[in-house]
Amino acid sequence: MADITISDLNKSYGPVHVLKDIDLDIKTGEFIVFVGPSGCGKSTLLRTISGLESISSGELKIDGKVVNDVAPSKRGIAMVFQSYALYPHMNVFNNMAYSLKLMKLPKAEIKQMVEAAAAKLQLTEYLDRLPKQLSGGQRQRVAIGRAIVRDPKVFLFDEPLSNLDAALRVQMRMEIAGLKNSLPNTTMIYVTHDQVEAMTMADRIVVLKDGVVQQVGTPMELYEKPNSLFVAGFIGSPKMNFIEGAQAKPFNAHTVGVRAEHLDIVSSDGDFRGTVMHTEVLGSDTYIYINIGEEEPLVVRRDGNAPLAYGEKVEIKTRPEYVHRFDEHGQPI
């Protein structure tokens, strides 16, 4: 079992209060993703779970046992960082086996454990290669394999895909998802600034801002029912459109939020009127940026190849059932 319970956790560096009253329950086998803007405390929270950072106050339990003062190596946790941190002079096998050798396990047992992890990660044919002979994605798989062989109760990933190009990130997302399915009793916590990674990988997402948990829920719960203006604007790509002032008054709200796919360009009787500023044709989708007099353009999604000309006058209609209304404090109405 690998339940994690965080109660009233705080972390300060001198006068700087980084994590504030964090309460979180993570169940065995869950894939939890921490997201938030730079400086929100997501990596610090991960490092307090690992033991690499001390806790200023509060309580951290793993499997019901308080581990506040337990050394990182005794917590049953393995961590994968943004940097691969592989030994350049060691081949893949020895990189993966290094921690097991330090534990003085029998050679036959080490060989079996490394080969089993390599098979999970499709690294079997690369065991004799040096890191410099591998691609970025393969190196990251070795770093993950080095963690797997320890048979941890909890995996911690700290932005492991940040150094990869777009195609490799997609590939590695699928591979990490496959790893999760092959280790159903292992809890995984993943830190990223990329909310697309969060949406596509997580069982539940934890959104942080300024060291405070803003909302916890499944990807679609956060997408469809954000509990604040901040969460509504952070989750989703492109981000939710926001309309304020006089144009929000007909909706009886201080701020109106509506996603690009919930807006339609109509011939008349639109809720908003504007001028086309820019069109992005992506093949399966077209995104149209429209100036309606707000600080930021309104983004409308249309299926397929459906561009509009620059400067064209248009009317936009909202789908009422998908309109989010917020008060002056950014709370949903």
Protein backbone atom coordinates (compact mmCIF):
# COMPACT_ATOMS: atom_id res chain seq x y z
CA MET A 1 0.00 0.00 0.00
CA ALA A 2 1.17 3.54 -0.74
CA ASP A 3 -1.45 5.95 0.62
CA ILE A 4 -0.09 9.44 1.25
CA THR A 5 -1.79 11.79 3.71
CA ILE A 6 -0.68 15.42 3.97
CA SER A 7 -2.17 17.40 6.85
CA ASP A 8 -1.78 21.15 7.44
CA LEU A 9 1.67 21.10 5.81
CA ASN A 10 3.66 24.33 5.76
CA LYS A 11 7.10 25.12 4.38
CA SER A 12 9.00 28.35 4.94
CA TYR A 13 12.45 29.58 3.99
CA GLY A 14 13.08 32.17 6.67
CA PRO A 15 10.35 34.81 6.27
CA VAL A 16 9.19 33.39 2.92
CA HIS A 17 6.10 31.18 3.35
CA VAL A 18 6.22 28.82 0.34
CA LEU A 19 3.61 26.14 1.17
CA LYS A 20 0.53 27.12 3.16
CA ASP A 21 -1.72 24.70 5.06
CA ILE A 22 -1.64 21.91 2.47
CA ASP A 23 -4.21 19.14 3.06
CA LEU A 24 -4.20 16.28 0.58
CA ASP A 25 -5.12 12.58 0.52
CA ILE A 26 -3.57 10.41 -2.21
CA LYS A 27 -4.68 6.80 -2.56
CA THR A 28 -2.57 3.80 -3.52
CA GLY A 29 -2.22 3.48 -7.30
CA GLU A 30 -3.36 7.03 -8.10
CA PHE A 31 -1.57 9.15 -10.68
CA ILE A 32 -1.63 12.65 -9.21
CA VAL A 33 -0.36 15.70 -11.10
CA PHE A 34 0.68 18.96 -9.42
CA VAL A 35 0.26 21.96 -11.73
CA GLY A 36 0.48 25.70 -11.36
CA PRO A 37 2.44 28.73 -12.56
CA SER A 38 6.15 29.12 -11.91
CA GLY A 39 6.84 29.71 -8.24
CA CYS A 40 3.54 28.23 -7.02
CA GLY A 41 5.28 25.63 -4.81
CA LYS A 42 4.58 22.45 -6.77
CA SER A 43 8.20 21.24 -6.89
CA THR A 44 8.74 22.21 -3.25
CA LEU A 45 5.70 20.13 -2.27
CA LEU A 46 7.10 17.18 -4.21
CA ARG A 47 10.47 17.56 -2.49
CA THR A 48 8.86 17.62 0.97
CA ILE A 49 7.16 14.31 0.11
CA SER A 50 10.49 12.87 -0.99
CA GLY A 51 12.29 14.11 2.12
CA LEU A 52 14.71 16.29 0.15
CA GLU A 53 13.12 19.30 1.87
CA SER A 54 12.15 19.43 5.53
CA ILE A 55 8.62 20.35 6.63
CA SER A 56 8.27 23.51 8.72
CA SER A 57 5.00 22.33 10.30
CA GLY A 58 2.25 19.82 9.67
CA GLU A 59 2.30 16.09 9.08
CA LEU A 60 3.17 13.75 6.23
CA LYS A 61 2.13 10.10 6.38
CA ILE A 62 2.99 7.25 4.01
CA ASP A 63 1.02 4.05 4.64
CA GLY A 64 -0.28 5.54 7.88
CA LYS A 65 3.21 6.19 9.27
CA VAL A 66 4.44 9.71 10.00
CA VAL A 67 7.61 10.26 7.94
CA ASN A 68 8.41 13.91 8.69
CA ASP A 69 11.82 12.95 10.10
CA VAL A 70 12.42 9.79 8.05
CA ALA A 71 15.38 9.89 5.66
CA PRO A 72 14.55 9.96 1.92
CA SER A 73 16.15 6.55 1.41
CA LYS A 74 13.83 5.00 4.02
CA ARG A 75 10.54 6.30 2.63
CA GLY A 76 10.09 3.74 -0.16
CA ILE A 77 10.17 6.52 -2.76
CA ALA A 78 11.95 6.85 -6.11
CA MET A 79 12.33 10.19 -7.88
CA VAL A 80 12.83 11.05 -11.56
CA PHE A 81 14.12 14.55 -12.29
CA GLN A 82 14.11 16.87 -15.29
CA SER A 83 17.82 16.07 -15.63
CA TYR A 84 18.55 12.45 -16.51
CA ALA A 85 21.56 12.41 -14.13
CA LEU A 86 23.03 9.27 -15.72
CA TYR A 87 26.63 8.19 -15.17
CA PRO A 88 28.23 8.83 -18.59
CA HIS A 89 30.92 6.15 -18.19
CA MET A 90 28.42 3.40 -17.30
CA ASN A 91 26.27 1.50 -19.78
CA VAL A 92 22.49 1.33 -19.40
CA PHE A 93 22.62 -1.91 -17.40
CA ASN A 94 25.05 -0.51 -14.85
CA ASN A 95 23.21 2.79 -14.55
CA MET A 96 20.02 0.90 -13.73
CA ALA A 97 21.79 -1.55 -11.45
CA TYR A 98 23.85 0.97 -9.47
CA SER A 99 21.51 1.38 -6.48
CA LEU A 100 21.00 -2.38 -6.28
CA LYS A 101 24.76 -2.93 -6.16
CA LEU A 102 24.99 -0.43 -3.28
CA MET A 103 22.42 -2.60 -1.49
CA LYS A 104 24.81 -5.57 -2.05
CA LEU A 105 22.13 -7.74 -3.63
CA PRO A 106 23.26 -10.97 -5.35
CA LYS A 107 24.37 -10.52 -8.95
CA ALA A 108 21.73 -12.93 -10.27
CA GLU A 109 18.98 -10.99 -8.49
CA ILE A 110 20.27 -7.67 -9.82
CA LYS A 111 20.38 -9.05 -13.35
CA GLN A 112 16.81 -10.31 -13.08
CA MET A 113 15.50 -7.02 -11.68
CA VAL A 114 17.26 -4.86 -14.27
CA GLU A 115 16.17 -7.04 -17.18
CA ALA A 116 12.55 -7.00 -15.96
CA ALA A 117 12.57 -3.18 -15.73
CA ALA A 118 14.26 -2.88 -19.13
CA ALA A 119 11.57 -5.07 -20.68
CA LYS A 120 8.83 -2.82 -19.25
CA LEU A 121 10.51 0.23 -20.80
CA GLN A 122 11.58 -1.35 -24.10
CA LEU A 123 15.25 -0.90 -23.22
CA THR A 124 16.42 -4.53 -23.50
CA GLU A 125 18.38 -4.00 -26.71
CA TYR A 126 20.12 -0.91 -25.27
CA LEU A 127 21.52 -2.40 -22.04
CA ASP A 128 25.10 -2.41 -23.37
CA ARG A 129 25.03 1.16 -24.68
CA LEU A 130 26.44 4.27 -23.04
CA PRO A 131 24.11 7.25 -22.38
CA LYS A 132 25.77 9.27 -25.16
CA GLN A 133 24.60 6.61 -27.65
CA LEU A 134 20.92 7.12 -26.70
CA SER A 135 18.26 9.62 -27.71
CA GLY A 136 16.76 12.00 -25.16
CA GLY A 137 13.67 9.84 -24.79
CA GLN A 138 15.76 6.71 -24.29
CA ARG A 139 17.87 8.43 -21.62
CA GLN A 140 14.73 9.46 -19.77
CA ARG A 141 13.50 5.87 -19.92
CA VAL A 142 16.80 4.74 -18.39
CA ALA A 143 16.32 7.27 -15.58
CA ILE A 144 12.83 5.88 -15.00
CA GLY A 145 14.18 2.32 -15.17
CA ARG A 146 16.79 3.14 -12.54
CA ALA A 147 13.89 4.10 -10.27
CA ILE A 148 11.73 1.07 -11.15
CA VAL A 149 14.35 -1.49 -10.12
CA ARG A 150 14.11 -0.26 -6.54
CA ASP A 151 10.45 -1.38 -6.49
CA PRO A 152 9.31 1.83 -4.79
CA LYS A 153 5.90 2.35 -3.22
CA VAL A 154 5.78 5.89 -4.62
CA PHE A 155 7.15 7.41 -7.83
CA LEU A 156 7.85 11.14 -7.89
CA PHE A 157 8.36 12.84 -11.27
CA ASP A 158 9.67 16.42 -11.31
CA GLU A 159 9.02 17.82 -14.82
CA PRO A 160 10.73 14.83 -16.47
CA LEU A 161 9.77 15.76 -20.04
CA SER A 162 10.76 19.42 -20.08
CA ASN A 163 14.00 18.82 -22.01
CA LEU A 164 12.35 16.79 -24.78
CA ASP A 165 10.99 18.05 -28.08
CA ALA A 166 7.24 18.01 -28.77
CA ALA A 167 7.12 14.61 -30.53
CA LEU A 168 9.19 12.92 -27.80
CA ARG A 169 7.01 14.44 -25.08
CA VAL A 170 3.92 12.85 -26.65
CA GLN A 171 5.73 9.50 -26.91
CA MET A 172 6.97 9.65 -23.31
CA ARG A 173 3.51 10.60 -22.03
CA MET A 174 2.20 7.39 -23.54
CA GLU A 175 5.09 5.39 -22.10
CA ILE A 176 4.58 6.80 -18.59
CA ALA A 177 0.86 6.05 -18.88
CA GLY A 178 1.77 2.50 -19.89
CA LEU A 179 4.13 2.28 -16.90
CA LYS A 180 1.28 3.34 -14.62
CA ASN A 181 -0.90 0.54 -15.98
CA SER A 182 1.87 -2.02 -15.46
CA LEU A 183 2.38 -0.92 -11.83
CA PRO A 184 -1.22 -0.58 -10.58
CA ASN A 185 -0.29 -0.57 -6.86
CA THR A 186 2.40 2.10 -7.18
CA THR A 187 1.39 5.67 -6.39
CA MET A 188 2.71 8.26 -8.82
CA ILE A 189 3.00 12.02 -8.30
CA TYR A 190 3.99 14.13 -11.27
CA VAL A 191 4.94 17.82 -11.34
CA THR A 192 4.54 19.81 -14.55
CA HIS A 193 3.95 23.37 -15.73
CA ASP A 194 2.28 21.92 -18.85
CA GLN A 195 -1.45 21.60 -18.25
CA VAL A 196 -1.80 19.46 -21.40
CA GLU A 197 0.39 16.83 -19.70
CA ALA A 198 -1.81 17.14 -16.62
CA MET A 199 -5.04 16.72 -18.57
CA THR A 200 -3.84 13.70 -20.54
CA MET A 201 -2.10 11.75 -17.75
CA ALA A 202 -3.71 12.44 -14.38
CA ASP A 203 -6.29 10.55 -12.39
CA ARG A 204 -6.59 13.74 -10.37
CA ILE A 205 -4.99 17.17 -10.71
CA VAL A 206 -3.89 19.41 -7.84
CA VAL A 207 -3.83 23.08 -8.91
CA LEU A 208 -1.57 25.32 -6.81
CA LYS A 209 -1.11 29.07 -6.68
CA ASP A 210 1.13 30.99 -4.28
CA GLY A 211 1.63 27.87 -2.17
CA VAL A 212 -2.09 27.24 -1.70
CA VAL A 213 -4.12 24.37 -3.16
CA GLN A 214 -6.79 25.98 -5.35
CA GLN A 215 -8.70 22.86 -6.46
CA VAL A 216 -8.33 19.09 -6.59
CA GLY A 217 -10.28 16.94 -9.05
CA THR A 218 -10.26 14.82 -12.16
CA PRO A 219 -9.14 16.57 -15.36
CA MET A 220 -12.72 16.93 -16.62
CA GLU A 221 -14.01 18.14 -13.23
CA LEU A 222 -11.51 20.97 -13.35
CA TYR A 223 -12.22 21.65 -17.02
CA GLU A 224 -16.00 21.66 -16.70
CA LYS A 225 -16.47 22.91 -13.13
CA PRO A 226 -13.59 25.19 -12.10
CA ASN A 227 -14.12 26.59 -8.62
CA SER A 228 -12.40 29.91 -9.33
CA LEU A 229 -11.46 32.31 -12.09
CA PHE A 230 -7.82 31.26 -11.67
CA VAL A 231 -8.49 27.55 -12.24
CA ALA A 232 -10.81 28.32 -15.16
CA GLY A 233 -8.04 30.30 -16.85
CA PHE A 234 -5.25 27.86 -16.07
CA ILE A 235 -6.82 24.57 -17.18
CA GLY A 236 -7.49 24.17 -20.91
CA SER A 237 -5.67 24.99 -24.14
CA PRO A 238 -6.43 27.52 -25.46
CA LYS A 239 -7.37 28.99 -22.11
CA MET A 240 -10.93 30.00 -21.33
CA ASN A 241 -12.14 33.31 -22.80
CA PHE A 242 -13.03 35.95 -20.21
CA ILE A 243 -15.40 38.88 -20.82
CA GLU A 244 -15.83 41.65 -18.26
CA GLY A 245 -17.59 44.96 -17.75
CA ALA A 246 -20.54 46.04 -19.85
CA GLN A 247 -20.41 42.96 -22.08
CA ALA A 248 -20.73 40.68 -19.02
CA LYS A 249 -23.72 42.54 -17.53
CA PRO A 250 -26.36 40.80 -19.70
CA PHE A 251 -25.18 37.55 -18.07
CA ASN A 252 -25.58 39.04 -14.54
CA ALA A 253 -21.91 38.48 -13.77
CA HIS A 254 -18.77 40.47 -13.15
CA THR A 255 -16.85 38.13 -15.45
CA VAL A 256 -18.12 35.66 -18.02
CA GLY A 257 -15.99 32.66 -18.99
CA VAL A 258 -16.57 30.54 -22.08
CA ARG A 259 -14.31 28.09 -23.88
CA ALA A 260 -13.40 28.38 -27.55
CA GLU A 261 -15.41 25.27 -28.54
CA HIS A 262 -18.56 26.67 -26.91
CA LEU A 263 -18.75 29.74 -29.15
CA ASP A 264 -20.37 29.89 -32.59
CA ILE A 265 -20.01 32.46 -35.34
CA VAL A 266 -23.52 33.43 -36.46
CA SER A 267 -25.09 35.67 -39.07
CA SER A 268 -27.19 37.67 -36.59
CA ASP A 269 -28.36 37.97 -32.97
CA GLY A 270 -24.93 37.26 -31.52
CA ASP A 271 -23.97 37.95 -27.92
CA PHE A 272 -20.80 39.72 -29.06
CA ARG A 273 -19.62 41.52 -32.17
CA GLY A 274 -16.09 41.96 -33.34
CA THR A 275 -13.40 41.96 -36.01
CA VAL A 276 -11.21 39.04 -37.04
CA MET A 277 -7.59 39.67 -36.01
CA HIS A 278 -5.95 36.33 -36.80
CA THR A 279 -6.74 32.78 -37.92
CA GLU A 280 -4.83 29.57 -37.07
CA VAL A 281 -5.63 26.62 -39.32
CA LEU A 282 -4.41 23.38 -37.71
CA GLY A 283 -6.05 20.89 -40.05
CA SER A 284 -8.55 19.25 -37.71
CA ASP A 285 -9.37 22.61 -36.07
CA THR A 286 -9.32 26.30 -36.87
CA TYR A 287 -8.89 28.93 -34.15
CA ILE A 288 -10.16 32.42 -34.92
CA TYR A 289 -9.02 35.38 -32.81
CA ILE A 290 -11.60 38.17 -32.68
CA ASN A 291 -11.33 41.68 -31.25
CA ILE A 292 -14.55 42.41 -29.34
CA GLY A 293 -13.13 45.36 -27.41
CA GLU A 294 -11.74 43.36 -24.49
CA GLU A 295 -8.12 43.37 -23.32
CA GLU A 296 -7.54 39.98 -25.00
CA PRO A 297 -9.12 38.69 -28.22
CA LEU A 298 -11.95 36.19 -28.09
CA VAL A 299 -10.86 32.77 -29.39
CA VAL A 300 -13.41 30.70 -31.32
CA ARG A 301 -12.79 27.09 -32.35
CA ARG A 302 -14.29 25.75 -35.60
CA ASP A 303 -14.02 22.24 -37.01
CA GLY A 304 -11.67 21.54 -39.89
CA ASN A 305 -10.39 24.14 -42.32
CA ALA A 306 -12.68 27.11 -41.63
CA PRO A 307 -10.68 30.35 -41.75
CA LEU A 308 -12.10 33.86 -41.86
CA ALA A 309 -10.46 36.85 -43.52
CA TYR A 310 -8.51 39.41 -41.53
CA GLY A 311 -10.71 42.41 -40.72
CA GLU A 312 -13.98 40.56 -41.33
CA LYS A 313 -16.88 41.66 -39.12
CA VAL A 314 -18.52 38.79 -37.24
CA GLU A 315 -21.08 38.02 -34.55
CA ILE A 316 -20.45 35.39 -31.88
CA LYS A 317 -23.08 33.42 -29.97
CA THR A 318 -22.43 31.62 -26.69
CA ARG A 319 -23.92 28.24 -25.87
CA PRO A 320 -25.75 29.16 -22.64
CA GLU A 321 -25.31 25.80 -20.91
CA TYR A 322 -21.52 26.18 -21.10
CA VAL A 323 -21.22 29.77 -19.85
CA HIS A 324 -19.31 30.22 -16.57
CA ARG A 325 -20.21 33.22 -14.45
CA PHE A 326 -17.91 34.70 -11.80
CA ASP A 327 -18.35 37.46 -9.22
CA GLU A 328 -15.93 40.32 -8.52
CA HIS A 329 -13.83 38.02 -6.30
CA GLY A 330 -13.37 35.43 -9.04
CA GLN A 331 -15.74 32.94 -7.41
CA PRO A 332 -18.35 31.07 -9.48
CA ILE A 333 -21.93 32.29 -9.34
